[in-house]
Protein backbone atom coordinates (compact mmCIF):
# COMPACT_ATOMS: atom_id res chain seq x y z
CA MET A 1 -1.82 211.98 -84.22
CA ASN A 2 -4.03 213.70 -81.66
CA GLN A 3 -3.31 216.10 -78.55
CA GLN A 4 -3.87 212.86 -75.82
CA HIS A 5 -2.51 210.89 -78.26
CA LYS A 6 0.83 213.12 -78.13
CA LYS A 7 0.66 213.48 -74.86
CA ILE A 8 0.42 209.68 -73.98
CA PHE A 9 3.75 209.15 -76.38
CA THR A 10 5.86 211.98 -74.61
CA ARG A 11 5.04 210.14 -71.27
CA PHE A 12 5.92 206.72 -72.77
CA LEU A 13 9.09 208.20 -74.75
CA ALA A 14 10.03 209.90 -71.17
CA CYS A 15 10.02 206.96 -69.75
CA ILE A 16 12.00 205.04 -72.14
CA ILE A 17 14.84 207.84 -71.37
CA LEU A 18 14.67 207.44 -67.80
CA PHE A 19 15.30 203.69 -68.22
CA SER A 20 17.45 203.89 -70.39
CA LEU A 21 19.87 206.20 -69.08
CA LEU A 22 19.52 204.33 -65.77
CA ALA A 23 20.96 201.48 -67.35
CA VAL A 24 23.87 203.04 -68.24
CA SER A 25 27.27 201.74 -67.08
CA PRO A 26 30.70 202.73 -66.09
CA ALA A 27 31.82 200.75 -68.54
CA MET A 28 30.25 202.63 -71.61
CA GLY A 29 32.38 205.95 -70.13
CA ILE A 30 30.15 207.27 -67.39
CA ASN A 31 31.41 207.52 -64.14
CA ALA A 32 27.96 207.96 -62.52
CA LYS A 33 27.66 209.89 -58.51
CA ALA A 34 24.50 209.80 -57.13
CA ALA A 35 23.78 213.38 -55.95
CA PRO A 36 22.07 213.11 -51.88
CA ALA A 37 18.36 214.90 -52.76
CA ALA A 38 19.44 217.49 -50.40
CA SER A 39 22.27 219.14 -52.38
CA THR A 40 20.62 218.88 -55.86
CA LYS A 41 20.25 222.28 -56.81
CA LYS A 42 17.13 223.35 -59.28
CA ALA A 43 17.90 227.05 -59.78
CA CYS A 44 16.24 229.53 -62.49
CA TRP A 45 18.20 232.70 -63.37
CA ILE A 46 16.41 235.69 -63.47
CA SER A 47 18.05 237.81 -65.75
CA PHE A 48 18.35 242.00 -66.28
CA LEU A 49 16.30 240.83 -69.42
CA ASP A 50 13.72 239.72 -67.05
CA ILE A 51 13.80 242.10 -64.70
CA GLU A 52 13.63 244.84 -67.49
CA VAL A 53 10.45 243.70 -68.95
CA LEU A 54 8.78 242.10 -65.76
CA LEU A 55 9.71 244.52 -63.02
CA GLN A 56 10.60 247.58 -64.23
CA ASP A 57 9.66 251.37 -62.69
CA LYS A 58 7.04 249.81 -60.38
CA THR A 59 5.78 251.18 -56.81
CA GLU A 60 6.98 248.64 -54.17
CA LYS A 61 3.80 247.10 -53.89
CA GLU A 62 3.41 246.59 -57.40
CA PHE A 63 7.14 245.05 -57.32
CA ARG A 64 6.32 242.96 -54.30
CA THR A 65 3.23 241.30 -56.52
CA LYS A 66 5.31 240.42 -59.44
CA ALA A 67 8.20 239.12 -57.97
CA SER A 68 6.07 237.05 -55.37
CA GLU A 69 4.33 235.61 -58.73
CA MET A 70 7.51 235.03 -60.28
CA TYR A 71 8.77 233.10 -56.99
CA ASP A 72 5.48 231.20 -57.02
CA ASN A 73 5.87 230.49 -60.94
CA VAL A 74 9.63 229.06 -60.27
CA ILE A 75 8.50 226.70 -57.53
CA LYS A 76 5.74 225.53 -59.44
CA TYR A 77 7.78 223.76 -62.12
CA GLY A 78 9.80 222.51 -58.97
CA MET A 79 12.97 224.62 -58.21
CA ASN A 80 14.42 225.80 -54.95
CA THR A 81 16.63 228.20 -56.00
CA VAL A 82 16.78 231.59 -57.38
CA ILE A 83 20.04 233.08 -59.42
CA VAL A 84 19.26 236.90 -59.79
CA HIS A 85 20.42 239.64 -61.43
CA VAL A 86 22.03 242.38 -59.33
CA ARG A 87 24.42 243.49 -61.13
CA ALA A 88 24.46 243.32 -64.91
CA LEU A 89 25.97 246.59 -66.40
CA GLY A 90 28.65 248.28 -64.07
CA ASP A 91 25.21 249.06 -61.91
CA ALA A 92 22.77 247.84 -58.90
CA MET A 93 19.55 246.89 -58.58
CA TYR A 94 20.14 248.08 -55.02
CA PRO A 95 21.47 251.37 -52.98
CA SER A 96 25.27 250.99 -53.72
CA ASP A 97 28.33 252.77 -52.38
CA TYR A 98 30.26 251.83 -55.59
CA TYR A 99 27.44 251.73 -58.56
CA PRO A 100 25.08 253.74 -60.16
CA TRP A 101 21.28 252.33 -59.84
CA ALA A 102 20.34 249.99 -62.88
CA THR A 103 18.52 251.55 -65.61
CA TYR A 104 16.90 247.97 -66.36
CA PHE A 105 14.88 248.15 -62.65
CA THR A 106 14.60 251.93 -62.85
CA THR A 107 14.75 253.75 -66.41
CA ASP A 108 16.51 257.25 -65.24
CA ARG A 109 18.50 255.30 -62.45
CA SER A 110 16.89 257.18 -59.79
CA ASN A 111 16.26 255.80 -56.26
CA PRO A 112 12.70 253.86 -56.44
CA GLY A 113 12.08 254.72 -52.98
CA TYR A 114 12.66 251.20 -51.81
CA ASP A 115 15.08 248.09 -51.50
CA PRO A 116 14.35 245.94 -54.51
CA LEU A 117 17.01 243.82 -53.42
CA GLN A 118 16.22 243.37 -49.71
CA ILE A 119 12.41 242.71 -50.99
CA MET A 120 13.91 239.75 -53.32
CA ILE A 121 15.73 237.91 -50.70
CA ASP A 122 12.73 238.32 -47.79
CA LEU A 123 10.41 236.86 -50.09
CA ALA A 124 12.83 234.28 -51.35
CA HIS A 125 13.45 232.68 -47.76
CA GLN A 126 10.08 233.07 -46.88
CA LYS A 127 8.91 230.99 -49.83
CA ASN A 128 11.88 228.25 -48.66
CA LEU A 129 13.99 229.22 -52.06
CA GLN A 130 18.00 230.18 -51.97
CA PHE A 131 19.08 233.17 -53.00
CA GLU A 132 22.05 233.99 -55.16
CA ALA A 133 23.32 237.60 -56.19
CA TRP A 134 24.14 237.26 -60.03
CA ILE A 135 26.57 239.63 -61.17
CA ASN A 136 29.00 240.54 -64.49
CA PRO A 137 32.06 241.27 -62.86
CA TYR A 138 33.84 243.83 -65.47
CA ARG A 139 31.11 244.37 -67.88
CA LEU A 140 29.66 248.39 -67.97
CA SER A 141 27.87 248.40 -71.12
CA ARG A 142 26.96 246.22 -74.19
CA ASP A 143 25.51 248.72 -76.81
CA ASN A 144 25.56 251.68 -78.08
CA GLU A 145 22.72 252.79 -76.15
CA SER A 146 23.83 251.38 -72.51
CA THR A 147 27.34 252.77 -73.55
CA LEU A 148 26.12 256.56 -73.31
CA SER A 149 23.91 255.64 -70.74
CA PHE A 150 26.98 255.12 -68.48
CA LYS A 151 29.20 257.57 -69.81
CA ALA A 152 26.07 259.87 -68.78
CA THR A 153 27.16 259.18 -65.00
CA PRO A 154 29.63 260.48 -62.37
CA TYR A 155 30.78 256.62 -62.56
CA TYR A 156 32.34 256.68 -65.93
CA GLU A 157 35.31 259.36 -65.19
CA GLN A 158 35.65 257.35 -61.81
CA PHE A 159 36.40 253.93 -63.60
CA ARG A 160 37.53 255.33 -67.15
CA PRO A 161 41.60 254.89 -65.84
CA PHE A 162 40.75 251.20 -65.08
CA SER A 163 38.09 250.42 -68.11
CA ILE A 164 38.29 249.69 -71.83
CA GLU A 165 36.16 250.84 -74.72
CA TYR A 166 35.97 248.65 -77.30
CA LYS A 167 34.02 247.35 -80.55
CA SER A 168 31.82 244.22 -80.14
CA SER A 169 31.31 241.61 -83.12
CA SER A 170 28.45 243.15 -84.21
CA GLY A 171 30.31 246.45 -84.29
CA GLN A 172 28.39 247.81 -81.13
CA THR A 173 30.33 250.81 -78.83
CA CYS A 174 31.27 249.01 -75.19
CA LEU A 175 32.67 249.48 -71.85
CA ALA A 176 34.32 246.80 -69.94
CA LEU A 177 36.77 247.30 -66.50
CA ASP A 178 40.25 246.43 -67.37
CA PRO A 179 40.90 242.94 -65.92
CA ALA A 180 44.40 243.32 -65.67
CA SER A 181 43.76 246.26 -62.75
CA GLN A 182 44.42 245.76 -59.45
CA LYS A 183 41.92 248.81 -59.16
CA THR A 184 39.06 247.12 -61.50
CA ARG A 185 39.95 243.93 -58.59
CA ASP A 186 39.78 246.12 -55.59
CA LEU A 187 36.54 247.69 -56.73
CA ILE A 188 34.46 244.25 -58.03
CA ALA A 189 35.74 243.00 -54.39
CA ASN A 190 34.36 245.33 -52.52
CA GLY A 191 30.90 245.68 -54.23
CA VAL A 192 30.98 241.76 -53.42
CA LYS A 193 31.45 242.53 -50.34
CA GLU A 194 29.06 244.93 -49.99
CA ILE A 195 26.42 242.40 -50.93
CA VAL A 196 27.67 239.88 -48.47
CA SER A 197 27.76 242.71 -45.88
CA ARG A 198 24.54 243.51 -46.00
CA TYR A 199 22.40 241.40 -47.68
CA ASP A 200 21.18 237.66 -46.43
CA VAL A 201 22.21 236.29 -49.83
CA ASP A 202 22.92 232.23 -49.82
CA GLY A 203 25.47 233.16 -52.80
CA ILE A 204 27.20 234.55 -55.16
CA HIS A 205 27.24 233.97 -59.05
CA PHE A 206 29.38 235.05 -62.16
CA ASP A 207 28.56 233.93 -65.29
CA ASP A 208 30.54 234.01 -68.11
CA TYR A 209 31.37 237.30 -69.14
CA PHE A 210 35.18 237.31 -68.42
CA TYR A 211 37.08 238.53 -71.74
CA VAL A 212 34.69 238.93 -74.69
CA SER A 213 35.63 239.46 -78.33
CA GLY A 214 37.06 242.39 -79.13
CA MET A 215 37.93 243.44 -75.49
CA THR A 216 41.70 242.90 -75.83
CA ASP A 217 42.33 240.40 -78.83
CA ASN A 218 46.17 240.97 -78.69
CA LEU A 219 45.90 239.69 -75.34
CA ASN A 220 46.98 236.08 -75.22
CA ALA A 221 45.40 232.84 -73.19
CA ALA A 222 47.75 233.06 -70.55
CA SER A 223 47.61 236.58 -69.44
CA ARG A 224 43.84 236.60 -69.37
CA LYS A 225 43.67 233.83 -67.08
CA ALA A 226 46.28 234.83 -64.94
CA ASN A 227 44.13 238.33 -64.73
CA VAL A 228 40.62 236.69 -63.80
CA ASN A 229 42.40 234.39 -61.57
CA ALA A 230 43.51 237.25 -59.34
CA LEU A 231 39.92 238.30 -59.31
CA ILE A 232 38.59 234.94 -58.40
CA SER A 233 41.01 234.53 -55.45
CA GLN A 234 40.38 237.97 -54.30
CA VAL A 235 36.23 237.86 -54.70
CA TYR A 236 36.76 234.15 -52.91
CA LYS A 237 38.73 235.38 -49.73
CA THR A 238 36.37 238.38 -49.33
CA ILE A 239 33.63 236.14 -49.16
CA LYS A 240 34.54 233.90 -46.94
CA SER A 241 36.10 236.22 -44.60
CA VAL A 242 32.62 238.09 -44.00
CA LYS A 243 30.48 234.87 -44.51
CA PRO A 244 31.72 231.63 -44.61
CA ASN A 245 28.90 229.77 -45.61
CA CYS A 246 27.89 231.73 -48.52
CA THR A 247 28.67 230.21 -51.68
CA PHE A 248 30.69 231.79 -54.74
CA GLY A 249 30.04 230.11 -57.87
CA ILE A 250 30.83 230.48 -61.56
CA SER A 251 28.62 229.79 -64.80
CA PRO A 252 31.37 229.92 -68.03
CA ALA A 253 30.52 228.97 -71.57
CA GLY A 254 29.60 225.37 -72.06
CA ASN A 255 32.42 224.66 -74.84
CA PRO A 256 35.47 224.22 -72.33
CA ASP A 257 37.70 225.67 -75.06
CA ASN A 258 35.79 228.53 -75.39
CA ALA A 259 35.70 229.41 -71.64
CA ARG A 260 39.36 228.83 -71.60
CA SER A 261 40.18 231.47 -74.30
CA GLN A 262 37.93 234.08 -72.38
CA GLY A 263 40.41 233.71 -69.53
CA ALA A 264 38.45 231.72 -66.99
CA ASP A 265 41.20 229.56 -65.69
CA ILE A 266 38.63 226.06 -65.36
CA ASP A 267 41.54 223.71 -64.92
CA THR A 268 43.21 225.53 -61.80
CA TRP A 269 39.27 226.25 -60.59
CA LEU A 270 38.52 222.69 -60.61
CA SER A 271 41.44 221.32 -59.10
CA THR A 272 42.62 224.05 -56.58
CA SER A 273 41.52 225.39 -53.40
CA GLY A 274 40.88 228.75 -53.13
CA TYR A 275 38.73 230.12 -56.07
CA ILE A 276 35.09 228.43 -56.64
CA ASP A 277 32.55 226.16 -54.80
CA TYR A 278 30.83 225.01 -57.56
CA ILE A 279 30.70 224.84 -60.99
CA MET A 280 27.66 225.71 -63.41
CA PRO A 281 28.78 225.28 -67.35
CA GLN A 282 26.40 226.33 -70.35
CA ILE A 283 25.61 223.78 -72.15
CA TYR A 284 22.97 225.18 -74.14
CA TRP A 285 23.19 222.07 -77.25
CA THR A 286 20.69 218.93 -77.29
CA ASP A 287 21.97 215.52 -78.34
CA VAL A 288 20.27 215.66 -81.99
CA TYR A 289 23.20 218.13 -83.44
CA VAL A 290 24.54 218.10 -87.02
CA THR A 291 27.96 218.69 -87.40
CA SER A 292 30.28 218.43 -91.16
CA LYS A 293 31.10 215.41 -89.34
CA GLY A 294 27.74 214.09 -88.88
CA ALA A 295 25.26 213.86 -86.22
CA GLU A 296 26.76 214.49 -82.27
CA HIS A 297 25.70 213.66 -78.81
CA MET A 298 26.70 217.41 -78.26
CA PHE A 299 25.17 217.65 -74.80
CA THR A 300 26.67 214.49 -73.08
CA ASN A 301 29.79 215.05 -75.10
CA ARG A 302 30.36 218.66 -73.52
CA CYS A 303 28.76 217.00 -69.85
CA THR A 304 31.31 214.28 -69.61
CA ALA A 305 33.92 217.30 -70.73
CA TRP A 306 33.36 219.13 -67.78
CA GLN A 307 32.93 216.50 -65.19
CA GLN A 308 36.82 214.42 -66.37
CA ILE A 309 38.28 218.12 -65.44
CA ASN A 310 36.37 218.32 -62.24
CA LYS A 311 39.44 217.08 -60.57
CA ARG A 312 38.39 218.50 -56.73
CA ASP A 313 34.83 216.97 -57.44
CA LEU A 314 32.82 219.87 -56.81
CA PRO A 315 29.28 220.14 -56.70
CA ILE A 316 28.46 220.52 -60.84
CA TYR A 317 25.29 222.01 -62.06
CA VAL A 318 24.34 222.21 -65.48
CA GLY A 319 23.41 225.42 -67.03
CA LEU A 320 20.32 224.61 -69.80
CA ALA A 321 18.99 226.54 -72.42
CA LEU A 322 15.07 226.85 -71.22
CA TYR A 323 14.75 229.39 -74.10
CA GLN A 324 15.60 227.60 -76.77
CA VAL A 325 12.86 225.19 -76.48
CA GLY A 326 11.26 225.11 -79.50
CA THR A 327 13.09 226.95 -81.77
CA LYS A 328 13.93 225.38 -85.09
CA SER A 329 17.50 225.35 -86.11
CA LYS A 330 19.52 223.45 -88.80
CA THR A 331 22.31 222.01 -86.95
CA ASP A 332 20.83 221.65 -83.67
CA LEU A 333 17.29 219.75 -84.30
CA GLY A 334 16.44 218.94 -81.11
CA TRP A 335 14.82 221.92 -79.67
CA ALA A 336 12.11 221.54 -82.52
CA THR A 337 11.78 217.49 -82.59
CA SER A 338 10.61 216.85 -78.95
CA ASP A 339 9.55 218.36 -75.71
CA THR A 340 11.19 216.49 -73.72
CA ASN A 341 15.46 217.71 -73.77
CA LEU A 342 15.00 219.39 -70.57
CA ALA A 343 13.59 216.21 -68.90
CA TYR A 344 16.20 213.87 -70.91
CA GLN A 345 19.10 216.58 -70.50
CA TYR A 346 18.48 216.91 -66.94
CA LEU A 347 18.99 212.91 -66.50
CA THR A 348 21.69 212.44 -68.51
CA ALA A 349 24.29 215.05 -66.23
CA LYS A 350 22.67 213.50 -63.25
CA GLN A 351 23.44 209.97 -64.14
CA LEU A 352 26.93 211.48 -65.40
CA GLY A 353 27.27 212.69 -61.53
CA TYR A 354 25.84 216.80 -61.74
CA ASP A 355 24.48 218.06 -58.66
CA GLY A 356 21.31 219.62 -60.05
CA TYR A 357 20.43 222.48 -62.89
CA ALA A 358 19.61 226.25 -63.68
CA LEU A 359 17.22 227.40 -66.87
CA PHE A 360 18.14 230.03 -68.51
CA ARG A 361 15.81 232.30 -67.95
CA TYR A 362 12.73 233.03 -66.22
CA GLN A 363 10.29 234.39 -68.64
CA TRP A 364 10.41 231.35 -70.79
CA LEU A 365 8.29 229.88 -67.33
CA GLU A 366 5.31 231.82 -68.71
CA LYS A 367 5.62 231.23 -71.90
CA ASP A 368 3.11 228.38 -73.43
CA ILE A 369 5.75 226.83 -75.95
CA ALA A 370 8.23 225.62 -72.93
CA ALA A 371 5.02 224.39 -70.73
CA GLU A 372 5.17 220.77 -71.68
CA GLU A 373 9.38 220.76 -71.46
CA LEU A 374 8.84 221.80 -68.05
CA ASN A 375 5.94 219.87 -67.02
CA ASN A 376 8.36 216.39 -68.40
CA LEU A 377 11.67 218.26 -66.64
CA LYS A 378 9.53 218.55 -63.62
CA ILE A 379 7.98 214.47 -63.23
CA TYR A 380 11.02 212.84 -65.07
């Protein structure tokens, strides 16, 4: 099949997907809910991994130029929101009273002489993009190298009484704040208050790093949930006390059982007020997923499971795995066999009542391998 025929076939396939999804009825098990166009979030996560490669150690002029270019790429593919990693490893991509400068932004943790967070917010709003500040609440380091780097700061001794040193599943030495400590909760809440008070952010965003493997494996699930809930409730109240219209959302692991095991009390968050404003599960599988029982519609099944526990009918957005585009897997076959995965997934989620999506992560917007997927997503 030549390129022209391939493109025609792709468009035809996408149309079939669209009409088949629109034909699905509640009788088939999908409880459709039309989301108002104005509330549809189409977001891109800009991870510390993206920042480290694309924005690290730049002059202010260089930083402004590249950040503006990145936003233009986000807009090019029809998105309206950026979720930017401002604190990934017990650090800050802005001048903070509570955390050291992030090595992923300034290698030696020195002040760059300008405020990158303020610039990114200003540029986003100038381009009519919503800006959410993304935080890893507990994580201080993720491997041997970043652990040594954090231990070299004065903050290590300051945080040490309420932090945990542990071995990751890969055998790396890592550090995390102890979720059981009130000092941990106060530090995180104060850090969030600092951002919301000083910057015109549209939202605060937490991801899926709560109790990770190796951290305190002997602690039962109920205790984990109680400790995390105490933080989430405190952060929610802190945000609303400063800026009531600033949203607070969480992006947990896409498997609900895995999310629960890590201390994410998704059932309480989605049934009780005072915790979150939205949920964004990371559903990073296609509907062509092979298990020991045969082929499974993994994406649709997980989307359905999340919507079923959304008792408060909160805004729910689906996290999509842009980074998986084109990859070959022995189990998740869809990524290598189609370039309409993201379009199909978004339309499936929308039919299930989801209010938008977020793509992980930015760098793939600049990769040729993702271009067809992104164009199909934008069109359909």
